[in-house]
Amino acid sequence: MDLSCNQVKALSKNFKRVVVDKPRQIAFEVFTDVIRSGAYSNLLLPQKLTASNLDLRDRAFTTELVYGSIRQIGRNDYVAAKFSSRPWSEVDSGIVDVVRLGAYQLFDMRVPEHAAVDATVNLARTVLGESKATFVNALLRKLAAKTLEEHLIEVQDDSVSSLSIRFSHPEWIVNSYRDSIPDVEELKLLLTSNNLPTRPTLVAWPGKSSVSEFSGELGQYSPYAVKIDTPPSEISAIRERRAGIQDEGSQILALAFAEAAKGREPWLDLCAGPGGKAALLSYISESPIFANEISESRANLVEQVVKPGTKVFIGDGREFSVPVGSVIADVPCTGLGALRRRPEVRWRRTPSDLPNLTKLQFELAAQAVSIIPTGGIFGYATCSPHTAETRAQCASIEKKLDVERIDVTPYLPQNLKDATSNGYMQLWPHRHETDAMFLALYRKR
């Protein structure tokens, strides 16, 4: 069929209108899979980037757009809802997610206003169609007409509801942090810290690698830590499993337990997946250690990183019955201490999760204490600062189990003495540049 010149021009114009750049396309795919399908950003995004042919600059752009947009969902939904012609909860989910990506570019990235709007509208045309793209265009232009500060003018007080919106955390999480950090100015520092990108931290496993062979900033507390700027997938020592990626807070936790439990081997990591602490413990222990993980797939990850000779079990930690000398249990928890690295957790967890989690945590603690001898060491750890999972849980352990609390302080680096209170260790992102790891140590009576 022959086409007239005007028809060809029209088709060409339409074709150009649906072209979208690949970084934003990948960002949308990852974002929607995380928010709508329960995927994990720290697993899915690297897979997508590895499969792409994006250069380092575009990979960095995509990474910031995905993680940042997830972090700022609460704040950006608040702003967008003010200009939506219908209730935000009733707007098509695809429109909502595209607007979230556009809003983050407008408010937080070094993207020119016109580019942020135009590129996001083109993305909407590609993934949603022309009619929905029109809605996106109108909404983004209203967002672009004011600064972020102007959009947030009504929520400048220090009430929990205002802090929740400005810093994009659910109110219940703000309240849980405030239980431990009542000073509002410090609380703002913590909330701000949770919204900042964090550099990956490498752990050089003793005997397999050394921090001296890596380019980066040495850790503040762990002798095996290096903060890196190179993508982990490009570091040969990680590919060869001579080193791993592990937050320095987790390294500190493992090292403190190892120091306290020295001479009371063998050690058991009761909740070992995906293997970071078990790997470090296996390389610093003078004898083989045990590791247990309920998930077979995560147990396989543990086996890939631990020192040869480590015995990895697959099963429910509440039923583990092999006698050991000492146990560390980094128990399943809300994960509120790792929101820098796992931003979607803040939108997935709810207060209703706590009863089942705290019940599980105590049952794991009870089983751990039951399999160690008198004098054996039990380390109770969480990646959460929520009092129900930390101090309140420890109160139950101390009341109901045959243990005595050991002060963690002597087992920590000298520059971490400020991280203890009542003998417990509590790290904070804004104070220590680590996840908010908690550790309590006990000796069995």
Foldseek 3Di string as FASTA:
>chain_A
DDDDPVVVVVVVVVVVLQDADPLVLLLLVLQCCVVPVVDFSVPPLVVVVVPDPDDPVSSVVSVCLNLLLLQQLLQQLLLLCVVQPDGSVPDDPSLSSLLSSLLCCLAPNPDPLVCSLSNSLSNCCNPPNDVSSVSSNVSSVVSNVDHSCVSLVVLPDQDLVSLCNVLVFPSVLLVLVCVVVVPSVVSSLQSVLLSDAAFWKKFQAPPLDAPVVDDADAAPFDRRIGRDDDPPVPDVCCVVLRMHTDWVVLVQLLQLQCVLQVPQWDEEALAQFQAPSQQNNQRVDPAAHEYEHQDPVSLVNNVVRHDPPYHYYHRQLLPDAAATRAYEYQADDLLSLNCSPRVNSSVVDDPVVLVVRLVSLLSNQQSRLVRHDAFGKYKYKYLDPRCSRAVVSVVCCVVPAQKDWDQSQVSTDPVQNVQDDPSKGFDGCSPRVGGGMIITMIGGD
